[in-house]
N, C-alpha and C. Protein backbone atom coordinates (compact mmCIF):
# COMPACT_ATOMS: atom_id res chain seq x y z
N MET A 1 28.16 -10.83 -32.62
CA MET A 1 28.61 -9.35 -32.51
C MET A 1 29.63 -8.98 -33.73
N GLU A 2 29.34 -7.97 -34.36
CA GLU A 2 30.25 -7.44 -35.39
C GLU A 2 31.46 -6.65 -34.92
N ARG A 3 32.52 -6.94 -35.47
CA ARG A 3 33.87 -6.19 -35.16
C ARG A 3 34.16 -5.40 -36.31
N THR A 4 34.77 -4.10 -35.96
CA THR A 4 35.49 -3.22 -36.95
C THR A 4 36.68 -2.64 -36.46
N LEU A 5 37.55 -2.22 -37.40
CA LEU A 5 38.80 -1.46 -36.96
C LEU A 5 38.51 -0.19 -37.10
N VAL A 6 39.04 0.57 -35.94
CA VAL A 6 39.13 1.95 -35.74
C VAL A 6 40.56 2.46 -35.60
N ILE A 7 40.98 3.41 -36.43
CA ILE A 7 42.27 3.91 -36.16
C ILE A 7 42.07 5.46 -35.76
N ILE A 8 42.52 5.87 -34.76
CA ILE A 8 42.56 7.34 -34.49
C ILE A 8 43.98 7.73 -34.96
N LYS A 9 43.76 8.68 -36.11
CA LYS A 9 45.04 8.90 -36.93
C LYS A 9 45.94 9.87 -36.04
N PRO A 10 47.17 10.25 -36.67
CA PRO A 10 48.14 11.04 -36.01
C PRO A 10 47.66 12.29 -35.61
N ASP A 11 46.82 12.94 -36.36
CA ASP A 11 46.09 14.19 -35.96
C ASP A 11 45.26 14.06 -34.82
N GLY A 12 44.57 13.05 -34.51
CA GLY A 12 43.70 12.74 -33.39
C GLY A 12 44.54 12.52 -32.14
N VAL A 13 45.69 11.86 -32.30
CA VAL A 13 46.47 11.54 -31.15
C VAL A 13 47.14 12.85 -30.69
N GLN A 14 47.84 13.58 -31.71
CA GLN A 14 48.59 14.78 -31.46
C GLN A 14 47.59 15.71 -30.76
N ARG A 15 46.45 15.79 -31.16
CA ARG A 15 45.51 16.87 -30.73
C ARG A 15 44.77 16.54 -29.56
N GLY A 16 45.16 15.42 -28.74
CA GLY A 16 44.60 14.76 -27.60
C GLY A 16 43.19 14.58 -27.48
N LEU A 17 42.81 13.86 -28.62
CA LEU A 17 41.51 13.57 -29.01
C LEU A 17 41.08 12.03 -28.79
N VAL A 18 42.23 11.32 -28.28
CA VAL A 18 41.78 9.83 -28.24
C VAL A 18 40.67 9.56 -27.21
N GLY A 19 40.71 10.16 -26.16
CA GLY A 19 39.71 9.90 -25.16
C GLY A 19 38.25 10.26 -25.67
N PRO A 20 38.15 11.69 -26.06
CA PRO A 20 36.66 11.94 -26.64
C PRO A 20 36.37 11.11 -27.67
N ILE A 21 37.09 10.53 -28.70
CA ILE A 21 36.58 9.85 -29.71
C ILE A 21 36.22 8.48 -29.26
N LEU A 22 37.18 7.72 -28.46
CA LEU A 22 36.56 6.65 -28.00
C LEU A 22 35.42 6.74 -26.96
N THR A 23 35.34 7.68 -26.30
CA THR A 23 33.94 7.95 -25.56
C THR A 23 32.96 7.97 -26.18
N ARG A 24 33.05 8.57 -27.39
CA ARG A 24 31.56 8.67 -28.33
C ARG A 24 31.29 7.43 -28.66
N LEU A 25 32.19 6.42 -29.03
CA LEU A 25 31.96 5.21 -29.60
C LEU A 25 31.36 4.35 -28.39
N GLU A 26 31.98 4.39 -27.39
CA GLU A 26 31.40 3.62 -26.14
C GLU A 26 30.05 4.17 -25.70
N ARG A 27 29.81 5.49 -25.70
CA ARG A 27 28.47 5.98 -25.34
C ARG A 27 27.43 5.59 -26.37
N ARG A 28 27.83 5.27 -27.51
CA ARG A 28 26.82 4.54 -28.43
C ARG A 28 26.45 3.32 -28.02
N GLY A 29 27.22 2.51 -27.14
CA GLY A 29 27.00 1.29 -26.78
C GLY A 29 28.01 0.32 -27.26
N LEU A 30 28.96 0.70 -28.10
CA LEU A 30 29.83 -0.32 -28.66
C LEU A 30 30.96 -0.53 -27.59
N ARG A 31 31.64 -1.60 -27.61
CA ARG A 31 32.70 -2.15 -26.69
C ARG A 31 34.09 -2.24 -27.35
N LEU A 32 34.89 -1.75 -26.50
CA LEU A 32 36.38 -1.93 -26.86
C LEU A 32 36.71 -3.56 -26.83
N ALA A 33 37.20 -4.12 -27.77
CA ALA A 33 37.70 -5.46 -27.72
C ALA A 33 39.25 -5.59 -27.87
N ALA A 34 39.90 -4.73 -28.35
CA ALA A 34 41.37 -4.61 -28.37
C ALA A 34 41.86 -3.24 -28.70
N MET A 35 43.07 -2.75 -28.07
CA MET A 35 43.40 -1.45 -28.38
C MET A 35 45.06 -1.37 -28.12
N LYS A 36 45.64 -0.58 -28.83
CA LYS A 36 47.02 -0.22 -28.69
C LYS A 36 47.51 0.95 -29.29
N LEU A 37 48.57 1.57 -29.10
CA LEU A 37 49.31 2.80 -29.49
C LEU A 37 50.30 2.20 -30.22
N ILE A 38 50.38 2.56 -31.62
CA ILE A 38 51.58 2.11 -32.46
C ILE A 38 51.92 3.16 -33.36
N GLN A 39 53.18 2.84 -33.81
CA GLN A 39 53.63 3.78 -35.08
C GLN A 39 53.58 2.85 -36.26
N ILE A 40 52.82 3.16 -37.20
CA ILE A 40 52.71 2.41 -38.40
C ILE A 40 53.95 2.52 -39.38
N SER A 41 54.35 1.40 -39.81
CA SER A 41 55.56 1.56 -40.67
C SER A 41 54.97 1.81 -42.14
N PRO A 42 55.88 2.22 -42.92
CA PRO A 42 55.39 2.40 -44.35
C PRO A 42 54.98 1.07 -44.98
N GLU A 43 55.44 -0.09 -44.56
CA GLU A 43 55.06 -1.32 -45.21
C GLU A 43 53.59 -1.67 -44.86
N LEU A 44 53.38 -1.63 -43.53
CA LEU A 44 51.98 -1.73 -42.92
C LEU A 44 50.91 -0.86 -43.60
N ALA A 45 51.49 0.41 -43.67
CA ALA A 45 50.42 1.35 -44.17
C ALA A 45 50.16 0.94 -45.71
N ALA A 46 51.16 0.54 -46.40
CA ALA A 46 50.89 0.16 -47.86
C ALA A 46 49.88 -1.01 -47.90
N ARG A 47 49.92 -1.97 -47.11
CA ARG A 47 49.03 -3.03 -46.95
C ARG A 47 47.70 -2.67 -46.53
N HIS A 48 47.65 -1.64 -45.66
CA HIS A 48 46.35 -1.36 -45.27
C HIS A 48 45.60 -0.39 -46.30
N TYR A 49 46.36 0.32 -46.99
CA TYR A 49 45.86 1.22 -47.94
C TYR A 49 45.98 0.64 -49.32
N ALA A 50 46.22 -0.67 -49.59
CA ALA A 50 46.45 -1.30 -50.76
C ALA A 50 45.30 -0.96 -51.84
N VAL A 51 44.21 -0.93 -51.32
CA VAL A 51 43.12 -0.51 -52.25
C VAL A 51 43.02 0.70 -52.89
N HIS A 52 43.88 1.75 -52.36
CA HIS A 52 43.94 3.03 -52.95
C HIS A 52 45.31 3.12 -53.72
N GLN A 53 46.13 2.28 -53.86
CA GLN A 53 47.19 2.28 -54.60
C GLN A 53 47.00 2.61 -56.06
N GLY A 54 47.83 3.57 -56.57
CA GLY A 54 47.74 4.09 -57.97
C GLY A 54 46.81 5.40 -58.01
N LYS A 55 45.95 5.70 -56.92
CA LYS A 55 45.19 6.89 -56.79
C LYS A 55 46.19 8.12 -56.56
N PRO A 56 45.73 9.39 -57.20
CA PRO A 56 46.53 10.41 -56.68
C PRO A 56 46.72 10.75 -55.26
N PHE A 57 46.12 10.42 -54.31
CA PHE A 57 46.12 10.96 -52.98
C PHE A 57 46.88 9.77 -52.16
N TYR A 58 47.22 8.46 -52.79
CA TYR A 58 47.74 7.26 -52.16
C TYR A 58 48.96 7.69 -51.31
N GLN A 59 50.04 8.43 -51.99
CA GLN A 59 51.28 8.66 -51.31
C GLN A 59 51.04 9.54 -50.13
N GLY A 60 50.21 10.54 -50.22
CA GLY A 60 49.85 11.29 -49.11
C GLY A 60 49.22 10.56 -48.05
N LEU A 61 48.30 9.76 -48.19
CA LEU A 61 47.73 8.83 -47.02
C LEU A 61 48.83 8.04 -46.40
N ILE A 62 49.81 7.44 -47.24
CA ILE A 62 50.97 6.64 -46.61
C ILE A 62 51.93 7.60 -45.69
N GLU A 63 52.27 8.94 -46.26
CA GLU A 63 52.92 9.81 -45.47
C GLU A 63 52.27 10.29 -44.18
N PHE A 64 50.97 10.49 -44.35
CA PHE A 64 50.13 10.93 -43.13
C PHE A 64 50.19 9.97 -42.05
N ILE A 65 49.70 8.89 -42.42
CA ILE A 65 49.32 7.71 -41.49
C ILE A 65 50.62 7.26 -40.66
N THR A 66 51.86 7.42 -41.35
CA THR A 66 53.05 7.03 -40.59
C THR A 66 53.79 8.26 -39.99
N SER A 67 53.07 9.36 -40.09
CA SER A 67 53.88 10.52 -39.59
C SER A 67 53.91 10.72 -38.05
N GLY A 68 53.11 9.89 -37.33
CA GLY A 68 53.23 9.87 -35.66
C GLY A 68 52.50 8.62 -35.08
N PRO A 69 52.34 8.49 -34.05
CA PRO A 69 51.65 7.50 -33.42
C PRO A 69 50.02 7.46 -33.72
N VAL A 70 49.54 6.40 -33.75
CA VAL A 70 48.27 6.14 -33.98
C VAL A 70 47.64 5.09 -32.71
N VAL A 71 46.30 5.31 -32.47
CA VAL A 71 45.62 4.32 -31.68
C VAL A 71 44.72 3.35 -32.62
N VAL A 72 45.06 2.07 -32.59
CA VAL A 72 44.32 1.24 -33.23
C VAL A 72 43.40 0.28 -32.37
N ALA A 73 42.23 0.06 -32.72
CA ALA A 73 41.07 -0.57 -31.75
C ALA A 73 40.31 -1.31 -32.56
N VAL A 74 39.82 -2.43 -31.92
CA VAL A 74 38.83 -3.29 -32.42
C VAL A 74 37.60 -2.90 -31.59
N ILE A 75 36.46 -2.35 -32.32
CA ILE A 75 35.31 -2.24 -31.84
C ILE A 75 34.21 -3.05 -32.05
N GLU A 76 33.52 -3.52 -31.11
CA GLU A 76 32.50 -4.56 -31.54
C GLU A 76 31.01 -4.08 -30.89
N GLY A 77 30.09 -4.71 -31.44
CA GLY A 77 28.73 -4.53 -31.21
C GLY A 77 27.78 -4.71 -32.17
N ARG A 78 26.64 -4.90 -31.89
CA ARG A 78 25.57 -4.95 -33.05
C ARG A 78 25.65 -3.84 -34.10
N ASN A 79 25.78 -4.16 -35.28
CA ASN A 79 25.78 -3.05 -36.46
C ASN A 79 27.06 -2.26 -36.04
N ALA A 80 28.11 -2.75 -35.65
CA ALA A 80 29.24 -1.77 -35.21
C ALA A 80 29.81 -1.17 -36.44
N ILE A 81 30.02 -1.82 -37.61
CA ILE A 81 30.43 -1.06 -38.64
C ILE A 81 29.78 0.16 -39.07
N ASP A 82 28.48 0.14 -39.16
CA ASP A 82 27.49 1.25 -39.60
C ASP A 82 27.44 2.17 -38.39
N ILE A 83 27.39 1.91 -37.23
CA ILE A 83 27.30 2.70 -36.11
C ILE A 83 28.62 3.40 -35.96
N VAL A 84 29.84 2.89 -36.09
CA VAL A 84 31.08 3.70 -36.22
C VAL A 84 31.17 4.48 -37.28
N ARG A 85 30.55 4.17 -38.50
CA ARG A 85 30.73 5.14 -39.59
C ARG A 85 29.97 6.37 -39.44
N LYS A 86 28.64 6.08 -39.06
CA LYS A 86 27.89 7.27 -38.65
C LYS A 86 28.15 8.19 -37.71
N THR A 87 28.95 7.71 -36.65
CA THR A 87 29.48 8.31 -35.73
C THR A 87 30.61 9.23 -35.90
N MET A 88 31.44 8.76 -36.97
CA MET A 88 32.75 9.39 -37.40
C MET A 88 32.14 10.56 -38.40
N GLY A 89 31.17 10.35 -39.21
CA GLY A 89 30.72 11.28 -40.27
C GLY A 89 31.27 11.22 -41.58
N ALA A 90 30.96 12.04 -42.34
CA ALA A 90 31.54 11.95 -43.74
C ALA A 90 33.06 12.08 -43.82
N THR A 91 33.59 11.53 -44.71
CA THR A 91 35.02 11.75 -44.86
C THR A 91 35.63 13.06 -44.86
N ASN A 92 34.89 13.87 -45.50
CA ASN A 92 35.38 15.34 -45.58
C ASN A 92 34.69 15.94 -44.37
N PRO A 93 35.28 16.57 -43.45
CA PRO A 93 34.62 17.12 -42.29
C PRO A 93 33.90 18.25 -42.65
N ALA A 94 33.98 18.90 -43.90
CA ALA A 94 33.00 20.04 -44.29
C ALA A 94 31.77 19.43 -44.66
N ASP A 95 31.61 18.33 -44.99
CA ASP A 95 30.44 17.65 -45.38
C ASP A 95 29.73 16.85 -44.29
N ALA A 96 30.34 16.50 -43.09
CA ALA A 96 30.00 15.72 -42.07
C ALA A 96 28.80 16.55 -41.21
N ALA A 97 27.87 15.85 -40.79
CA ALA A 97 26.78 16.13 -39.94
C ALA A 97 27.19 16.76 -38.61
N PRO A 98 26.67 17.82 -38.17
CA PRO A 98 27.07 18.27 -36.74
C PRO A 98 26.83 17.12 -35.71
N GLY A 99 27.58 17.03 -34.88
CA GLY A 99 27.53 16.01 -33.74
C GLY A 99 28.35 14.86 -34.03
N THR A 100 28.91 14.64 -35.47
CA THR A 100 29.88 13.60 -35.72
C THR A 100 31.24 13.96 -35.33
N ILE A 101 32.19 12.72 -35.17
CA ILE A 101 33.50 13.18 -34.78
C ILE A 101 34.16 14.18 -35.75
N ARG A 102 33.98 13.89 -36.87
CA ARG A 102 34.72 14.71 -37.92
C ARG A 102 34.18 16.26 -38.08
N ALA A 103 32.86 16.37 -37.78
CA ALA A 103 32.23 17.49 -38.06
C ALA A 103 32.67 18.34 -36.75
N ASP A 104 32.55 17.82 -35.62
CA ASP A 104 32.85 18.55 -34.22
C ASP A 104 34.31 18.81 -34.16
N PHE A 105 35.37 18.00 -34.81
CA PHE A 105 36.80 18.20 -34.28
C PHE A 105 37.61 18.52 -35.64
N GLY A 106 36.98 18.31 -36.91
CA GLY A 106 37.94 18.41 -37.89
C GLY A 106 37.64 19.56 -39.09
N LEU A 107 38.31 19.82 -39.82
CA LEU A 107 38.14 20.86 -40.83
C LEU A 107 38.50 20.53 -42.23
N GLU A 108 39.58 19.69 -42.40
CA GLU A 108 40.02 19.26 -43.71
C GLU A 108 40.04 17.67 -43.82
N ILE A 109 39.82 17.33 -45.16
CA ILE A 109 39.58 15.88 -45.56
C ILE A 109 40.90 15.24 -45.28
N GLY A 110 42.16 15.76 -45.30
CA GLY A 110 43.32 15.32 -45.08
C GLY A 110 43.72 14.97 -43.66
N ARG A 111 43.11 15.68 -42.80
CA ARG A 111 43.14 15.77 -41.39
C ARG A 111 41.90 15.30 -40.84
N ASN A 112 41.33 14.22 -41.11
CA ASN A 112 39.91 13.83 -40.67
C ASN A 112 39.87 12.90 -39.38
N LEU A 113 41.01 12.78 -38.68
CA LEU A 113 40.95 12.09 -37.39
C LEU A 113 40.94 10.93 -37.09
N VAL A 114 40.01 9.92 -37.92
CA VAL A 114 39.73 8.74 -37.48
C VAL A 114 39.34 8.05 -38.80
N HIS A 115 39.84 6.58 -38.82
CA HIS A 115 39.40 5.62 -39.80
C HIS A 115 38.61 4.47 -39.14
N GLY A 116 37.45 4.13 -40.04
CA GLY A 116 36.70 2.86 -39.60
C GLY A 116 36.53 2.15 -40.82
N SER A 117 36.57 0.76 -40.68
CA SER A 117 36.47 -0.22 -41.74
C SER A 117 35.03 0.06 -42.28
N ASP A 118 34.97 0.21 -43.74
CA ASP A 118 33.73 0.49 -44.38
C ASP A 118 32.84 -0.67 -44.63
N GLY A 119 33.16 -1.92 -44.25
CA GLY A 119 32.17 -3.05 -44.49
C GLY A 119 32.78 -4.32 -43.86
N PRO A 120 32.14 -5.51 -43.83
CA PRO A 120 32.53 -6.59 -43.13
C PRO A 120 33.78 -7.18 -43.72
N ASP A 121 33.80 -7.11 -45.16
CA ASP A 121 35.00 -7.78 -45.85
C ASP A 121 36.18 -6.90 -45.45
N THR A 122 36.02 -5.63 -45.43
CA THR A 122 37.16 -4.58 -45.05
C THR A 122 37.70 -5.06 -43.59
N ALA A 123 36.76 -4.94 -42.74
CA ALA A 123 37.10 -5.32 -41.43
C ALA A 123 37.91 -6.55 -41.28
N ALA A 124 37.43 -7.71 -41.95
CA ALA A 124 38.04 -8.83 -41.77
C ALA A 124 39.38 -8.91 -42.47
N TYR A 125 39.73 -8.04 -43.29
CA TYR A 125 41.11 -7.79 -43.93
C TYR A 125 41.97 -6.86 -42.94
N GLU A 126 41.29 -5.70 -42.40
CA GLU A 126 42.16 -4.69 -41.65
C GLU A 126 42.40 -5.35 -40.25
N ILE A 127 41.53 -5.81 -39.58
CA ILE A 127 41.79 -6.25 -38.19
C ILE A 127 43.13 -7.04 -38.13
N PRO A 128 43.19 -8.25 -38.80
CA PRO A 128 44.50 -8.86 -38.65
C PRO A 128 45.82 -8.39 -39.12
N LEU A 129 45.59 -7.13 -39.81
CA LEU A 129 46.77 -6.42 -40.03
C LEU A 129 47.44 -5.88 -38.76
N PHE A 130 46.72 -5.55 -37.92
CA PHE A 130 47.15 -4.90 -36.51
C PHE A 130 47.01 -5.76 -35.29
N PHE A 131 46.02 -6.90 -35.37
CA PHE A 131 45.83 -7.65 -34.12
C PHE A 131 46.00 -9.28 -34.44
N ASP A 132 46.52 -9.87 -33.55
CA ASP A 132 46.44 -11.33 -33.67
C ASP A 132 45.11 -11.63 -32.82
N GLU A 133 44.52 -12.92 -33.13
CA GLU A 133 43.34 -13.22 -32.67
C GLU A 133 43.51 -13.28 -31.13
N GLY A 134 44.51 -13.69 -30.48
CA GLY A 134 44.71 -13.56 -29.02
C GLY A 134 44.60 -12.39 -28.50
N ASP A 135 44.82 -11.35 -29.26
CA ASP A 135 44.86 -9.80 -28.76
C ASP A 135 43.44 -9.22 -28.50
N ILE A 136 42.49 -10.04 -29.09
CA ILE A 136 41.02 -9.52 -29.27
C ILE A 136 40.25 -10.26 -27.97
N LEU A 137 39.71 -9.34 -27.03
CA LEU A 137 38.84 -10.07 -25.83
C LEU A 137 37.54 -10.09 -26.19
N ASP A 138 36.99 -11.21 -25.76
CA ASP A 138 35.42 -11.36 -25.70
C ASP A 138 35.03 -11.34 -24.24
N TYR A 139 34.27 -10.47 -24.08
CA TYR A 139 33.89 -10.33 -22.65
C TYR A 139 32.37 -9.59 -22.65
N ARG A 140 31.80 -9.76 -21.45
CA ARG A 140 30.57 -9.13 -21.25
C ARG A 140 30.56 -8.04 -20.18
N ARG A 141 30.07 -6.68 -20.41
CA ARG A 141 29.88 -5.63 -19.65
C ARG A 141 28.47 -5.68 -18.75
N ALA A 142 28.61 -5.15 -17.55
CA ALA A 142 27.38 -5.21 -16.65
C ALA A 142 26.37 -4.48 -17.42
N ILE A 143 26.78 -3.57 -18.20
CA ILE A 143 25.58 -2.65 -18.82
C ILE A 143 25.23 -3.14 -20.21
N ASP A 144 25.62 -4.36 -20.61
CA ASP A 144 25.26 -4.70 -22.07
C ASP A 144 23.65 -5.09 -22.06
N ASP A 145 23.24 -5.58 -20.94
CA ASP A 145 21.74 -5.80 -21.14
C ASP A 145 21.05 -4.61 -21.05
N TRP A 146 21.48 -3.62 -20.69
CA TRP A 146 20.90 -2.23 -20.88
C TRP A 146 20.90 -1.50 -22.19
N ILE A 147 21.79 -2.19 -23.13
CA ILE A 147 22.04 -1.57 -24.29
C ILE A 147 21.28 -2.37 -25.42
N ASN A 148 21.32 -3.60 -25.28
CA ASN A 148 20.96 -4.50 -26.33
C ASN A 148 19.74 -5.42 -25.79
N GLU A 149 18.53 -5.38 -26.63
CA GLU A 149 17.33 -6.22 -26.18
C GLU A 149 17.82 -7.74 -26.32
């Protein structure tokens, strides 16, 4: 099973969209392996967004992600990274396909509600920033046989 990090950003938490966002991912057949509500420190944000350091939007990313509580989760399933990214929609909600999280709930690129790892290497880097291995549960759901062949 593939794992990815999902962050429901401060705008998603403040707008009461944690449940609807997680529900969309679960309804796709993905499984929660770990989850917690946290306040990201500037230091953790800098490590998370290190790839963007030096870009014009970097400081805004740091300020926004640290502006309020977030929900961080490890989501797993077959092709979890690709499925999460397609379910989230394009980074800019104005460009996101109808039916995606960002198209249905977002208006602006700077308030796009959710983050998902963009590839296996990114997920392998991001997940340990927020979770120890012991925090991530490996279990089967009764419905898993109805989701995967």
